[in-house]
Amino acid sequence: MRRTPHPTDRRAVLVELTDSARETMATMQREHVELNETLLSAITPDDRRWRRSHALRPTP
Protein backbone atom coordinates (compact mmCIF):
# COMPACT_ATOMS: atom_id res chain seq x y z
CA MET A 1 0.00 0.00 0.00
CA ARG A 2 1.24 3.45 -0.82
CA ARG A 3 0.25 6.54 1.15
CA THR A 4 0.78 10.04 -0.20
CA PRO A 5 -0.35 13.41 1.08
CA HIS A 6 -3.41 14.84 -0.62
CA PRO A 7 -2.25 17.61 -2.96
CA THR A 8 -4.73 20.25 -1.72
CA ASP A 9 -6.03 18.97 1.64
CA ARG A 10 -3.27 18.54 4.19
CA ARG A 11 -5.66 16.67 6.51
CA ALA A 12 -6.12 13.85 3.98
CA VAL A 13 -3.88 11.03 2.87
CA LEU A 14 -4.33 9.25 -0.45
CA VAL A 15 -4.01 5.48 -0.23
CA GLU A 16 -3.34 3.32 -3.27
CA LEU A 17 -2.44 -0.30 -3.79
CA THR A 18 1.03 -1.16 -5.01
CA ASP A 19 1.46 -3.64 -7.87
CA SER A 20 2.28 -6.33 -5.32
CA ALA A 21 -0.86 -5.55 -3.31
CA ARG A 22 -2.97 -5.65 -6.50
CA GLU A 23 -1.60 -9.13 -7.25
CA THR A 24 -2.37 -10.22 -3.68
CA MET A 25 -5.93 -8.87 -3.95
CA ALA A 26 -6.47 -10.65 -7.28
CA THR A 27 -5.28 -13.93 -5.75
CA MET A 28 -7.53 -13.43 -2.72
CA GLN A 29 -10.53 -12.71 -4.95
CA ARG A 30 -9.92 -15.87 -7.02
CA GLU A 31 -9.58 -17.92 -3.83
CA HIS A 32 -12.80 -16.40 -2.49
CA VAL A 33 -14.69 -17.39 -5.65
CA GLU A 34 -13.28 -20.93 -5.45
CA LEU A 35 -14.23 -21.25 -1.78
CA ASN A 36 -17.71 -19.91 -2.44
CA GLU A 37 -18.19 -22.43 -5.26
CA THR A 38 -16.96 -25.26 -3.01
CA LEU A 39 -19.30 -24.28 -0.19
CA LEU A 40 -22.30 -23.81 -2.46
CA SER A 41 -21.70 -27.15 -4.15
CA ALA A 42 -22.77 -28.79 -0.87
CA ILE A 43 -26.22 -27.17 -1.21
CA THR A 44 -28.78 -28.56 -3.61
CA PRO A 45 -29.87 -26.34 -6.50
CA ASP A 46 -33.40 -26.18 -5.04
CA ASP A 47 -32.05 -24.97 -1.70
CA ARG A 48 -29.87 -22.39 -3.44
CA ARG A 49 -32.91 -21.07 -5.35
CA TRP A 50 -34.91 -20.92 -2.11
CA ARG A 51 -32.08 -19.03 -0.39
CA ARG A 52 -31.89 -16.48 -3.23
CA SER A 53 -35.66 -15.97 -3.21
CA HIS A 54 -35.68 -15.44 0.58
CA ALA A 55 -32.55 -13.31 0.89
CA LEU A 56 -32.90 -10.19 2.97
CA ARG A 57 -33.57 -7.16 0.85
CA PRO A 58 -33.42 -3.55 1.95
CA THR A 59 -36.78 -1.98 2.66
CA PRO A 60 -37.70 1.02 0.48
C-alpha atoms as a PDB file:
ATOM      1  CA  MET A   1       0.000   0.000   0.000  1.00  0.00           C
ATOM      2  CA  ARG A   2       1.243   3.453  -0.822  1.00  0.00           C
ATOM      3  CA  ARG A   3       0.245   6.543   1.145  1.00  0.00           C
ATOM      4  CA  THR A   4       0.784  10.036  -0.199  1.00  0.00           C
ATOM      5  CA  PRO A   5      -0.353  13.409   1.079  1.00  0.00           C
ATOM      6  CA  HIS A   6      -3.414  14.844  -0.617  1.00  0.00           C
ATOM      7  CA  PRO A   7      -2.254  17.613  -2.959  1.00  0.00           C
ATOM      8  CA  THR A   8      -4.729  20.248  -1.723  1.00  0.00           C
ATOM      9  CA  ASP A   9      -6.030  18.974   1.635  1.00  0.00           C
ATOM     10  CA  ARG A  10      -3.267  18.544   4.185  1.00  0.00           C
ATOM     11  CA  ARG A  11      -5.661  16.669   6.507  1.00  0.00           C
ATOM     12  CA  ALA A  12      -6.120  13.849   3.978  1.00  0.00           C
ATOM     13  CA  VAL A  13      -3.881  11.029   2.867  1.00  0.00           C
ATOM     14  CA  LEU A  14      -4.327   9.248  -0.450  1.00  0.00           C
ATOM     15  CA  VAL A  15      -4.012   5.476  -0.231  1.00  0.00           C
ATOM     16  CA  GLU A  16      -3.337   3.323  -3.269  1.00  0.00           C
ATOM     17  CA  LEU A  17      -2.439  -0.297  -3.789  1.00  0.00           C
ATOM     18  CA  THR A  18       1.030  -1.155  -5.015  1.00  0.00           C
ATOM     19  CA  ASP A  19       1.459  -3.636  -7.868  1.00  0.00           C
ATOM     20  CA  SER A  20       2.281  -6.334  -5.317  1.00  0.00           C
ATOM     21  CA  ALA A  21      -0.863  -5.548  -3.310  1.00  0.00           C
ATOM     22  CA  ARG A  22      -2.969  -5.654  -6.501  1.00  0.00           C
ATOM     23  CA  GLU A  23      -1.604  -9.134  -7.250  1.00  0.00           C
ATOM     24  CA  THR A  24      -2.374 -10.219  -3.683  1.00  0.00           C
ATOM     25  CA  MET A  25      -5.926  -8.868  -3.950  1.00  0.00           C
ATOM     26  CA  ALA A  26      -6.473 -10.647  -7.282  1.00  0.00           C
ATOM     27  CA  THR A  27      -5.280 -13.926  -5.745  1.00  0.00           C
ATOM     28  CA  MET A  28      -7.535 -13.434  -2.718  1.00  0.00           C
ATOM     29  CA  GLN A  29     -10.532 -12.709  -4.952  1.00  0.00           C
ATOM     30  CA  ARG A  30      -9.921 -15.874  -7.020  1.00  0.00           C
ATOM     31  CA  GLU A  31      -9.584 -17.918  -3.827  1.00  0.00           C
ATOM     32  CA  HIS A  32     -12.804 -16.400  -2.486  1.00  0.00           C
ATOM     33  CA  VAL A  33     -14.689 -17.391  -5.651  1.00  0.00           C
ATOM     34  CA  GLU A  34     -13.278 -20.928  -5.450  1.00  0.00           C
ATOM     35  CA  LEU A  35     -14.230 -21.254  -1.777  1.00  0.00           C
ATOM     36  CA  ASN A  36     -17.711 -19.909  -2.445  1.00  0.00           C
ATOM     37  CA  GLU A  37     -18.187 -22.433  -5.263  1.00  0.00           C
ATOM     38  CA  THR A  38     -16.962 -25.255  -3.005  1.00  0.00           C
ATOM     39  CA  LEU A  39     -19.295 -24.279  -0.188  1.00  0.00           C
ATOM     40  CA  LEU A  40     -22.300 -23.813  -2.457  1.00  0.00           C
ATOM     41  CA  SER A  41     -21.695 -27.151  -4.152  1.00  0.00           C
ATOM     42  CA  ALA A  42     -22.773 -28.785  -0.871  1.00  0.00           C
ATOM     43  CA  ILE A  43     -26.220 -27.168  -1.210  1.00  0.00           C
ATOM     44  CA  THR A  44     -28.776 -28.562  -3.611  1.00  0.00           C
ATOM     45  CA  PRO A  45     -29.871 -26.338  -6.503  1.00  0.00           C
ATOM     46  CA  ASP A  46     -33.403 -26.177  -5.039  1.00  0.00           C
ATOM     47  CA  ASP A  47     -32.051 -24.969  -1.697  1.00  0.00           C
ATOM     48  CA  ARG A  48     -29.873 -22.389  -3.441  1.00  0.00           C
ATOM     49  CA  ARG A  49     -32.908 -21.073  -5.347  1.00  0.00           C
ATOM     50  CA  TRP A  50     -34.909 -20.923  -2.107  1.00  0.00           C
ATOM     51  CA  ARG A  51     -32.085 -19.033  -0.392  1.00  0.00           C
ATOM     52  CA  ARG A  52     -31.887 -16.482  -3.232  1.00  0.00           C
ATOM     53  CA  SER A  53     -35.655 -15.971  -3.207  1.00  0.00           C
ATOM     54  CA  HIS A  54     -35.681 -15.441   0.576  1.00  0.00           C
ATOM     55  CA  ALA A  55     -32.551 -13.305   0.885  1.00  0.00           C
ATOM     56  CA  LEU A  56     -32.897 -10.192   2.972  1.00  0.00           C
ATOM     57  CA  ARG A  57     -33.572  -7.160   0.848  1.00  0.00           C
ATOM     58  CA  PRO A  58     -33.418  -3.547   1.953  1.00  0.00           C
ATOM     59  CA  THR A  59     -36.781  -1.984   2.657  1.00  0.00           C
ATOM     60  CA  PRO A  60     -37.697   1.016   0.483  1.00  0.00           C
END
